[in-house]
All heavy atoms as atom14 arrays in JSON, in Angstrom:
{
  "sequence": "YGNLSKYTKRTIPREVPGRPFKNKTKFEFVVDDYNEYFLNQLFEI",
  "atom14_mask": [
    [1, 1, 1, 1, 1, 1, 1, 1, 1, 1, 1, 1, 0, 0],
    [1, 1, 1, 1, 0, 0, 0, 0, 0, 0, 0, 0, 0, 0],
    [1, 1, 1, 1, 1, 1, 1, 1, 0, 0, 0, 0, 0, 0],
    [1, 1, 1, 1, 1, 1, 1, 1, 0, 0, 0, 0, 0, 0],
    [1, 1, 1, 1, 1, 1, 0, 0, 0, 0, 0, 0, 0, 0],
    [1, 1, 1, 1, 1, 1, 1, 1, 1, 0, 0, 0, 0, 0],
    [1, 1, 1, 1, 1, 1, 1, 1, 1, 1, 1, 1, 0, 0],
    [1, 1, 1, 1, 1, 1, 1, 0, 0, 0, 0, 0, 0, 0],
    [1, 1, 1, 1, 1, 1, 1, 1, 1, 0, 0, 0, 0, 0],
    [1, 1, 1, 1, 1, 1, 1, 1, 1, 1, 1, 0, 0, 0],
    [1, 1, 1, 1, 1, 1, 1, 0, 0, 0, 0, 0, 0, 0],
    [1, 1, 1, 1, 1, 1, 1, 1, 0, 0, 0, 0, 0, 0],
    [1, 1, 1, 1, 1, 1, 1, 0, 0, 0, 0, 0, 0, 0],
    [1, 1, 1, 1, 1, 1, 1, 1, 1, 1, 1, 0, 0, 0],
    [1, 1, 1, 1, 1, 1, 1, 1, 1, 0, 0, 0, 0, 0],
    [1, 1, 1, 1, 1, 1, 1, 0, 0, 0, 0, 0, 0, 0],
    [1, 1, 1, 1, 1, 1, 1, 0, 0, 0, 0, 0, 0, 0],
    [1, 1, 1, 1, 0, 0, 0, 0, 0, 0, 0, 0, 0, 0],
    [1, 1, 1, 1, 1, 1, 1, 1, 1, 1, 1, 0, 0, 0],
    [1, 1, 1, 1, 1, 1, 1, 0, 0, 0, 0, 0, 0, 0],
    [1, 1, 1, 1, 1, 1, 1, 1, 1, 1, 1, 0, 0, 0],
    [1, 1, 1, 1, 1, 1, 1, 1, 1, 0, 0, 0, 0, 0],
    [1, 1, 1, 1, 1, 1, 1, 1, 0, 0, 0, 0, 0, 0],
    [1, 1, 1, 1, 1, 1, 1, 1, 1, 0, 0, 0, 0, 0],
    [1, 1, 1, 1, 1, 1, 1, 0, 0, 0, 0, 0, 0, 0],
    [1, 1, 1, 1, 1, 1, 1, 1, 1, 0, 0, 0, 0, 0],
    [1, 1, 1, 1, 1, 1, 1, 1, 1, 1, 1, 0, 0, 0],
    [1, 1, 1, 1, 1, 1, 1, 1, 1, 0, 0, 0, 0, 0],
    [1, 1, 1, 1, 1, 1, 1, 1, 1, 1, 1, 0, 0, 0],
    [1, 1, 1, 1, 1, 1, 1, 0, 0, 0, 0, 0, 0, 0],
    [1, 1, 1, 1, 1, 1, 1, 0, 0, 0, 0, 0, 0, 0],
    [1, 1, 1, 1, 1, 1, 1, 1, 0, 0, 0, 0, 0, 0],
    [1, 1, 1, 1, 1, 1, 1, 1, 0, 0, 0, 0, 0, 0],
    [1, 1, 1, 1, 1, 1, 1, 1, 1, 1, 1, 1, 0, 0],
    [1, 1, 1, 1, 1, 1, 1, 1, 0, 0, 0, 0, 0, 0],
    [1, 1, 1, 1, 1, 1, 1, 1, 1, 0, 0, 0, 0, 0],
    [1, 1, 1, 1, 1, 1, 1, 1, 1, 1, 1, 1, 0, 0],
    [1, 1, 1, 1, 1, 1, 1, 1, 1, 1, 1, 0, 0, 0],
    [1, 1, 1, 1, 1, 1, 1, 1, 0, 0, 0, 0, 0, 0],
    [1, 1, 1, 1, 1, 1, 1, 1, 0, 0, 0, 0, 0, 0],
    [1, 1, 1, 1, 1, 1, 1, 1, 1, 0, 0, 0, 0, 0],
    [1, 1, 1, 1, 1, 1, 1, 1, 0, 0, 0, 0, 0, 0],
    [1, 1, 1, 1, 1, 1, 1, 1, 1, 1, 1, 0, 0, 0],
    [1, 1, 1, 1, 1, 1, 1, 1, 1, 0, 0, 0, 0, 0],
    [1, 1, 1, 1, 1, 1, 1, 1, 0, 0, 0, 0, 0, 0]
  ],
  "atom14_positions": [
    [[12.8, -5.11, -8.11], [13.2, -4.83, -6.73], [14.47, -5.6, -6.4], [14.52, -6.82, -6.45], [12.08, -5.22, -5.78], [12.28, -4.8, -4.34], [11.54, -3.77, -3.79], [13.21, -5.45, -3.52], [11.7, -3.39, -2.47], [13.39, -5.08, -2.2], [12.64, -4.05, -1.67], [12.8, -3.66, -0.37], [0.0, 0.0, 0.0], [0.0, 0.0, 0.0]],
    [[15.54, -4.89, -6.06], [16.78, -5.52, -5.64], [17.47, -6.29, -6.74], [18.2, -7.26, -6.47], [0.0, 0.0, 0.0], [0.0, 0.0, 0.0], [0.0, 0.0, 0.0], [0.0, 0.0, 0.0], [0.0, 0.0, 0.0], [0.0, 0.0, 0.0], [0.0, 0.0, 0.0], [0.0, 0.0, 0.0], [0.0, 0.0, 0.0], [0.0, 0.0, 0.0]],
    [[17.3, -5.85, -8.0], [17.93, -6.58, -9.11], [19.36, -6.12, -9.38], [19.97, -6.51, -10.38], [17.08, -6.46, -10.38], [17.06, -5.04, -10.94], [17.57, -4.1, -10.31], [16.47, -4.87, -12.11], [0.0, 0.0, 0.0], [0.0, 0.0, 0.0], [0.0, 0.0, 0.0], [0.0, 0.0, 0.0], [0.0, 0.0, 0.0], [0.0, 0.0, 0.0]],
    [[19.89, -5.27, -8.49], [21.29, -4.79, -8.56], [21.56, -3.98, -9.82], [22.69, -3.9, -10.3], [22.26, -5.97, -8.47], [22.11, -6.88, -7.24], [23.13, -8.01, -7.27], [22.25, -6.07, -5.96], [0.0, 0.0, 0.0], [0.0, 0.0, 0.0], [0.0, 0.0, 0.0], [0.0, 0.0, 0.0], [0.0, 0.0, 0.0], [0.0, 0.0, 0.0]],
    [[20.53, -3.34, -10.35], [20.71, -2.46, -11.52], [21.5, -1.22, -11.13], [21.5, -0.79, -9.97], [19.36, -2.07, -12.09], [18.55, -1.46, -11.09], [0.0, 0.0, 0.0], [0.0, 0.0, 0.0], [0.0, 0.0, 0.0], [0.0, 0.0, 0.0], [0.0, 0.0, 0.0], [0.0, 0.0, 0.0], [0.0, 0.0, 0.0], [0.0, 0.0, 0.0]],
    [[22.14, -0.62, -12.1], [22.96, 0.57, -11.85], [22.1, 1.82, -11.74], [21.04, 1.92, -12.34], [23.97, 0.74, -12.98], [25.03, -0.35, -13.03], [26.04, -0.07, -14.15], [27.12, -1.15, -14.19], [28.11, -0.89, -15.28], [0.0, 0.0, 0.0], [0.0, 0.0, 0.0], [0.0, 0.0, 0.0], [0.0, 0.0, 0.0], [0.0, 0.0, 0.0]],
    [[22.6, 2.75, -10.97], [21.97, 4.06, -10.88], [22.42, 4.9, -12.07], [23.62, 5.15, -12.24], [22.34, 4.75, -9.57], [21.44, 4.41, -8.41], [21.45, 3.14, -7.85], [20.57, 5.35, -7.88], [20.61, 2.81, -6.79], [19.74, 5.04, -6.82], [19.76, 3.77, -6.29], [18.92, 3.46, -5.24], [0.0, 0.0, 0.0], [0.0, 0.0, 0.0]],
    [[21.47, 5.29, -12.91], [21.78, 6.12, -14.08], [20.72, 7.2, -14.2], [19.65, 7.13, -13.56], [21.78, 5.28, -15.37], [20.5, 4.65, -15.51], [22.87, 4.22, -15.34], [0.0, 0.0, 0.0], [0.0, 0.0, 0.0], [0.0, 0.0, 0.0], [0.0, 0.0, 0.0], [0.0, 0.0, 0.0], [0.0, 0.0, 0.0], [0.0, 0.0, 0.0]],
    [[20.99, 8.21, -15.0], [20.03, 9.29, -15.21], [18.86, 8.76, -16.04], [19.05, 8.2, -17.12], [20.68, 10.47, -15.9], [19.73, 11.67, -16.06], [20.41, 12.84, -16.77], [21.46, 13.47, -15.88], [22.02, 14.71, -16.49], [0.0, 0.0, 0.0], [0.0, 0.0, 0.0], [0.0, 0.0, 0.0], [0.0, 0.0, 0.0], [0.0, 0.0, 0.0]],
    [[17.65, 8.97, -15.53], [16.46, 8.45, -16.21], [15.39, 9.53, -16.25], [15.27, 10.34, -15.33], [15.95, 7.2, -15.52], [17.09, 6.23, -15.18], [16.64, 4.85, -14.92], [17.76, 4.02, -14.45], [17.71, 2.72, -14.32], [16.6, 2.07, -14.65], [18.76, 2.03, -13.9], [0.0, 0.0, 0.0], [0.0, 0.0, 0.0], [0.0, 0.0, 0.0]],
    [[14.6, 9.49, -17.3], [13.51, 10.45, -17.47], [12.21, 9.84, -16.96], [11.86, 8.72, -17.3], [13.36, 10.83, -18.95], [14.57, 11.42, -19.41], [12.22, 11.82, -19.13], [0.0, 0.0, 0.0], [0.0, 0.0, 0.0], [0.0, 0.0, 0.0], [0.0, 0.0, 0.0], [0.0, 0.0, 0.0], [0.0, 0.0, 0.0], [0.0, 0.0, 0.0]],
    [[11.52, 10.63, -16.1], [10.22, 10.23, -15.56], [9.17, 11.2, -16.1], [9.36, 12.41, -16.01], [10.22, 10.27, -14.02], [11.37, 9.43, -13.46], [8.88, 9.83, -13.46], [11.29, 7.96, -13.75], [0.0, 0.0, 0.0], [0.0, 0.0, 0.0], [0.0, 0.0, 0.0], [0.0, 0.0, 0.0], [0.0, 0.0, 0.0], [0.0, 0.0, 0.0]],
    [[8.09, 10.72, -16.69], [7.73, 9.31, -16.86], [8.42, 8.71, -18.09], [8.7, 9.4, -19.05], [6.22, 9.37, -17.06], [6.01, 10.67, -17.78], [7.0, 11.61, -17.17], [0.0, 0.0, 0.0], [0.0, 0.0, 0.0], [0.0, 0.0, 0.0], [0.0, 0.0, 0.0], [0.0, 0.0, 0.0], [0.0, 0.0, 0.0], [0.0, 0.0, 0.0]],
    [[8.63, 7.41, -18.04], [9.12, 6.72, -19.23], [7.99, 6.58, -20.22], [6.88, 6.16, -19.87], [9.67, 5.34, -18.83], [10.16, 4.51, -20.02], [10.95, 3.29, -19.58], [10.21, 2.45, -18.64], [9.27, 1.56, -19.0], [8.93, 1.44, -20.28], [8.68, 0.81, -18.1], [0.0, 0.0, 0.0], [0.0, 0.0, 0.0], [0.0, 0.0, 0.0]],
    [[8.26, 6.94, -21.45], [7.23, 6.88, -22.49], [6.86, 5.44, -22.79], [7.71, 4.56, -22.86], [7.72, 7.57, -23.76], [7.99, 9.06, -23.6], [6.74, 9.87, -23.32], [5.64, 9.38, -23.67], [6.84, 10.97, -22.75], [0.0, 0.0, 0.0], [0.0, 0.0, 0.0], [0.0, 0.0, 0.0], [0.0, 0.0, 0.0], [0.0, 0.0, 0.0]],
    [[5.55, 5.21, -22.98], [5.02, 3.9, -23.35], [4.22, 4.06, -24.62], [3.28, 4.87, -24.66], [4.14, 3.32, -22.22], [3.5, 2.0, -22.66], [4.95, 3.12, -20.95], [0.0, 0.0, 0.0], [0.0, 0.0, 0.0], [0.0, 0.0, 0.0], [0.0, 0.0, 0.0], [0.0, 0.0, 0.0], [0.0, 0.0, 0.0], [0.0, 0.0, 0.0]],
    [[4.59, 3.37, -25.69], [3.88, 3.52, -26.97], [2.37, 3.31, -26.82], [1.92, 2.36, -26.19], [4.51, 2.43, -27.84], [5.86, 2.2, -27.26], [5.7, 2.41, -25.79], [0.0, 0.0, 0.0], [0.0, 0.0, 0.0], [0.0, 0.0, 0.0], [0.0, 0.0, 0.0], [0.0, 0.0, 0.0], [0.0, 0.0, 0.0], [0.0, 0.0, 0.0]],
    [[1.61, 4.25, -27.38], [0.16, 4.15, -27.36], [-0.49, 4.62, -26.09], [-1.72, 4.62, -25.98], [0.0, 0.0, 0.0], [0.0, 0.0, 0.0], [0.0, 0.0, 0.0], [0.0, 0.0, 0.0], [0.0, 0.0, 0.0], [0.0, 0.0, 0.0], [0.0, 0.0, 0.0], [0.0, 0.0, 0.0], [0.0, 0.0, 0.0], [0.0, 0.0, 0.0]],
    [[0.3, 5.02, -25.07], [-0.26, 5.47, -23.78], [0.37, 6.82, -23.4], [1.06, 6.93, -22.39], [0.01, 4.44, -22.68], [-0.61, 3.07, -22.87], [-2.09, 3.06, -22.55], [-2.39, 3.5, -21.19], [-2.36, 2.71, -20.11], [-2.0, 1.43, -20.24], [-2.69, 3.18, -18.93], [0.0, 0.0, 0.0], [0.0, 0.0, 0.0], [0.0, 0.0, 0.0]],
    [[0.14, 7.86, -24.2], [0.75, 9.16, -23.87], [0.11, 9.79, -22.64], [-1.03, 9.47, -22.27], [0.45, 9.98, -25.12], [-0.81, 9.39, -25.67], [-0.71, 7.92, -25.4], [0.0, 0.0, 0.0], [0.0, 0.0, 0.0], [0.0, 0.0, 0.0], [0.0, 0.0, 0.0], [0.0, 0.0, 0.0], [0.0, 0.0, 0.0], [0.0, 0.0, 0.0]],
    [[0.84, 10.69, -22.0], [0.34, 11.43, -20.85], [-0.15, 12.81, -21.29], [0.5, 13.48, -22.11], [1.44, 11.64, -19.8], [1.8, 10.39, -19.05], [2.89, 9.62, -19.42], [1.05, 9.99, -17.95], [3.23, 8.48, -18.72], [1.39, 8.85, -17.24], [2.48, 8.09, -17.62], [0.0, 0.0, 0.0], [0.0, 0.0, 0.0], [0.0, 0.0, 0.0]],
    [[-1.28, 13.25, -20.74], [-1.73, 14.62, -20.99], [-0.81, 15.61, -20.28], [-0.53, 16.7, -20.79], [-3.17, 14.81, -20.51], [-4.2, 14.08, -21.37], [-5.61, 14.38, -20.87], [-6.65, 13.66, -21.73], [-8.04, 13.93, -21.26], [0.0, 0.0, 0.0], [0.0, 0.0, 0.0], [0.0, 0.0, 0.0], [0.0, 0.0, 0.0], [0.0, 0.0, 0.0]],
    [[-0.36, 15.23, -19.08], [0.56, 16.08, -18.33], [1.96, 15.92, -18.92], [2.5, 14.81, -18.96], [0.56, 15.68, -16.85], [1.32, 16.65, -15.97], [2.47, 16.96, -16.23], [0.67, 17.12, -14.92], [0.0, 0.0, 0.0], [0.0, 0.0, 0.0], [0.0, 0.0, 0.0], [0.0, 0.0, 0.0], [0.0, 0.0, 0.0], [0.0, 0.0, 0.0]],
    [[2.55, 17.0, -19.38], [3.83, 16.94, -20.09], [5.03, 17.24, -19.19], [6.15, 17.4, -19.69], [3.82, 17.92, -21.27], [2.7, 17.65, -22.28], [2.75, 16.22, -22.83], [1.64, 15.95, -23.84], [1.64, 14.55, -24.32], [0.0, 0.0, 0.0], [0.0, 0.0, 0.0], [0.0, 0.0, 0.0], [0.0, 0.0, 0.0], [0.0, 0.0, 0.0]],
    [[4.81, 17.29, -17.87], [5.93, 17.52, -16.95], [6.94, 16.39, -17.06], [6.57, 15.22, -17.15], [5.42, 17.63, -15.51], [4.38, 18.6, -15.44], [6.55, 18.01, -14.56], [0.0, 0.0, 0.0], [0.0, 0.0, 0.0], [0.0, 0.0, 0.0], [0.0, 0.0, 0.0], [0.0, 0.0, 0.0], [0.0, 0.0, 0.0], [0.0, 0.0, 0.0]],
    [[8.22, 16.75, -17.07], [9.29, 15.76, -17.14], [10.24, 15.94, -15.96], [10.49, 17.06, -15.5], [10.09, 15.89, -18.44], [9.28, 15.68, -19.72], [8.91, 14.22, -19.91], [8.19, 14.01, -21.24], [7.76, 12.61, -21.43], [0.0, 0.0, 0.0], [0.0, 0.0, 0.0], [0.0, 0.0, 0.0], [0.0, 0.0, 0.0], [0.0, 0.0, 0.0]],
    [[10.76, 14.82, -15.47], [11.75, 14.84, -14.4], [12.95, 14.03, -14.85], [12.81, 13.07, -15.63], [11.19, 14.21, -13.12], [9.99, 14.89, -12.54], [8.71, 14.57, -12.98], [10.14, 15.84, -11.55], [7.6, 15.19, -12.44], [9.04, 16.47, -10.99], [7.76, 16.14, -11.44], [0.0, 0.0, 0.0], [0.0, 0.0, 0.0], [0.0, 0.0, 0.0]],
    [[14.12, 14.41, -14.35], [15.31, 13.59, -14.55], [15.91, 13.27, -13.19], [16.22, 14.17, -12.41], [16.33, 14.31, -15.44], [15.98, 14.29, -16.91], [17.15, 14.67, -17.8], [18.14, 15.26, -17.28], [17.09, 14.39, -19.01], [0.0, 0.0, 0.0], [0.0, 0.0, 0.0], [0.0, 0.0, 0.0], [0.0, 0.0, 0.0], [0.0, 0.0, 0.0]],
    [[16.04, 11.98, -12.91], [16.59, 11.53, -11.65], [17.64, 10.46, -11.91], [17.52, 9.68, -12.86], [15.51, 10.92, -10.75], [14.41, 11.86, -10.36], [13.09, 11.63, -10.75], [14.68, 12.98, -9.58], [12.08, 12.49, -10.38], [13.67, 13.86, -9.21], [12.36, 13.61, -9.61], [0.0, 0.0, 0.0], [0.0, 0.0, 0.0], [0.0, 0.0, 0.0]],
    [[18.63, 10.4, -11.04], [19.61, 9.32, -11.08], [19.1, 8.23, -10.14], [19.17, 8.36, -8.91], [21.01, 9.81, -10.67], [21.99, 8.63, -10.63], [21.5, 10.89, -11.62], [0.0, 0.0, 0.0], [0.0, 0.0, 0.0], [0.0, 0.0, 0.0], [0.0, 0.0, 0.0], [0.0, 0.0, 0.0], [0.0, 0.0, 0.0], [0.0, 0.0, 0.0]],
    [[18.56, 7.17, -10.74], [17.92, 6.11, -9.96], [18.2, 4.75, -10.58], [18.7, 4.65, -11.7], [16.39, 6.33, -9.88], [16.05, 7.53, -9.03], [15.79, 6.47, -11.28], [0.0, 0.0, 0.0], [0.0, 0.0, 0.0], [0.0, 0.0, 0.0], [0.0, 0.0, 0.0], [0.0, 0.0, 0.0], [0.0, 0.0, 0.0], [0.0, 0.0, 0.0]],
    [[17.84, 3.69, -9.82], [17.95, 2.33, -10.35], [16.6, 1.91, -10.91], [15.65, 2.7, -10.98], [18.43, 1.38, -9.25], [17.44, 1.27, -8.1], [16.46, 2.06, -8.07], [17.63, 0.4, -7.23], [0.0, 0.0, 0.0], [0.0, 0.0, 0.0], [0.0, 0.0, 0.0], [0.0, 0.0, 0.0], [0.0, 0.0, 0.0], [0.0, 0.0, 0.0]],
    [[16.49, 0.62, -11.3], [15.28, 0.15, -11.97], [14.04, 0.27, -11.09], [12.97, 0.71, -11.54], [15.45, -1.31, -12.4], [16.4, -1.47, -13.57], [16.79, -0.44, -14.16], [16.75, -2.63, -13.89], [0.0, 0.0, 0.0], [0.0, 0.0, 0.0], [0.0, 0.0, 0.0], [0.0, 0.0, 0.0], [0.0, 0.0, 0.0], [0.0, 0.0, 0.0]],
    [[14.17, -0.16, -9.81], [12.95, -0.17, -8.99], [12.5, 1.25, -8.65], [11.3, 1.54, -8.66], [13.14, -0.97, -7.7], [11.85, -1.04, -6.9], [10.79, -1.8, -7.38], [11.67, -0.31, -5.73], [9.57, -1.85, -6.69], [10.47, -0.35, -5.05], [9.42, -1.12, -5.54], [8.21, -1.14, -4.86], [0.0, 0.0, 0.0], [0.0, 0.0, 0.0]],
    [[13.44, 2.14, -8.35], [13.04, 3.52, -8.07], [12.42, 4.17, -9.3], [11.48, 4.96, -9.19], [14.24, 4.33, -7.58], [14.49, 4.15, -6.09], [13.77, 4.69, -5.27], [15.5, 3.35, -5.76], [0.0, 0.0, 0.0], [0.0, 0.0, 0.0], [0.0, 0.0, 0.0], [0.0, 0.0, 0.0], [0.0, 0.0, 0.0], [0.0, 0.0, 0.0]],
    [[12.92, 3.83, -10.5], [12.3, 4.36, -11.72], [10.87, 3.84, -11.84], [9.94, 4.6, -12.16], [13.11, 3.94, -12.95], [12.49, 4.45, -14.26], [13.08, 3.81, -15.5], [13.91, 2.9, -15.37], [12.68, 4.23, -16.6], [0.0, 0.0, 0.0], [0.0, 0.0, 0.0], [0.0, 0.0, 0.0], [0.0, 0.0, 0.0], [0.0, 0.0, 0.0]],
    [[10.69, 2.54, -11.6], [9.36, 1.92, -11.65], [8.41, 2.63, -10.67], [7.27, 2.98, -11.02], [9.5, 0.45, -11.3], [8.22, -0.33, -11.14], [7.44, -0.67, -12.24], [7.8, -0.74, -9.87], [6.27, -1.41, -12.09], [6.63, -1.48, -9.71], [5.86, -1.81, -10.81], [4.71, -2.54, -10.66], [0.0, 0.0, 0.0], [0.0, 0.0, 0.0]],
    [[8.88, 2.85, -9.47], [8.06, 3.47, -8.43], [7.7, 4.91, -8.82], [6.56, 5.35, -8.67], [8.8, 3.44, -7.1], [7.92, 3.66, -5.9], [7.21, 2.6, -5.35], [7.79, 4.9, -5.32], [6.39, 2.78, -4.25], [6.98, 5.1, -4.22], [6.27, 4.04, -3.68], [0.0, 0.0, 0.0], [0.0, 0.0, 0.0], [0.0, 0.0, 0.0]],
    [[8.66, 5.66, -9.34], [8.42, 7.04, -9.75], [7.45, 7.1, -10.93], [6.59, 8.0, -10.99], [9.75, 7.71, -10.11], [10.64, 8.05, -8.93], [12.08, 8.27, -9.39], [10.13, 9.3, -8.2], [0.0, 0.0, 0.0], [0.0, 0.0, 0.0], [0.0, 0.0, 0.0], [0.0, 0.0, 0.0], [0.0, 0.0, 0.0], [0.0, 0.0, 0.0]],
    [[7.58, 6.18, -11.88], [6.65, 6.14, -13.0], [5.22, 5.91, -12.51], [4.26, 6.53, -13.0], [7.04, 5.03, -13.98], [8.2, 5.41, -14.88], [8.34, 6.57, -15.28], [9.05, 4.45, -15.22], [0.0, 0.0, 0.0], [0.0, 0.0, 0.0], [0.0, 0.0, 0.0], [0.0, 0.0, 0.0], [0.0, 0.0, 0.0], [0.0, 0.0, 0.0]],
    [[5.06, 5.02, -11.53], [3.73, 4.75, -11.01], [3.19, 5.95, -10.22], [2.01, 6.28, -10.31], [3.74, 3.49, -10.14], [3.99, 2.23, -10.96], [3.69, 0.96, -10.18], [3.96, 0.88, -8.98], [3.15, -0.03, -10.86], [0.0, 0.0, 0.0], [0.0, 0.0, 0.0], [0.0, 0.0, 0.0], [0.0, 0.0, 0.0], [0.0, 0.0, 0.0]],
    [[4.05, 6.6, -9.45], [3.63, 7.82, -8.77], [3.16, 8.87, -9.77], [2.16, 9.56, -9.54], [4.79, 8.39, -7.93], [4.97, 7.87, -6.52], [6.24, 8.44, -5.91], [3.77, 8.21, -5.64], [0.0, 0.0, 0.0], [0.0, 0.0, 0.0], [0.0, 0.0, 0.0], [0.0, 0.0, 0.0], [0.0, 0.0, 0.0], [0.0, 0.0, 0.0]],
    [[3.88, 9.0, -10.88], [3.51, 9.98, -11.9], [2.1, 9.69, -12.43], [1.27, 10.6, -12.56], [4.51, 9.97, -13.05], [4.32, 11.11, -14.02], [5.03, 12.29, -13.88], [3.42, 11.01, -15.08], [4.85, 13.35, -14.77], [3.22, 12.05, -15.97], [3.94, 13.23, -15.81], [0.0, 0.0, 0.0], [0.0, 0.0, 0.0], [0.0, 0.0, 0.0]],
    [[1.82, 8.42, -12.72], [0.48, 8.06, -13.2], [-0.59, 8.45, -12.19], [-1.6, 9.09, -12.54], [0.41, 6.55, -13.44], [1.22, 6.04, -14.6], [1.12, 4.53, -14.75], [1.32, 3.8, -13.75], [0.83, 4.08, -15.87], [0.0, 0.0, 0.0], [0.0, 0.0, 0.0], [0.0, 0.0, 0.0], [0.0, 0.0, 0.0], [0.0, 0.0, 0.0]],
    [[-0.38, 8.06, -10.96], [-1.38, 8.28, -9.91], [-1.62, 9.76, -9.66], [-2.76, 10.2, -9.48], [-0.92, 7.59, -8.61], [-0.96, 6.07, -8.78], [-1.78, 8.01, -7.43], [-0.24, 5.33, -7.68], [0.0, 0.0, 0.0], [0.0, 0.0, 0.0], [0.0, 0.0, 0.0], [0.0, 0.0, 0.0], [0.0, 0.0, 0.0], [0.0, 0.0, 0.0]]
  ]
}
């Protein structure tokens, strides 16, 4: 949160080794670190 990271194109959800998603929907957003984190958590929920 507020780490001044750059806004870049990122894929949601971010893949985590050993924890694949059954839902294969992918999104691409231009976001910073915290927004990516928040979107990844929304995807899980």
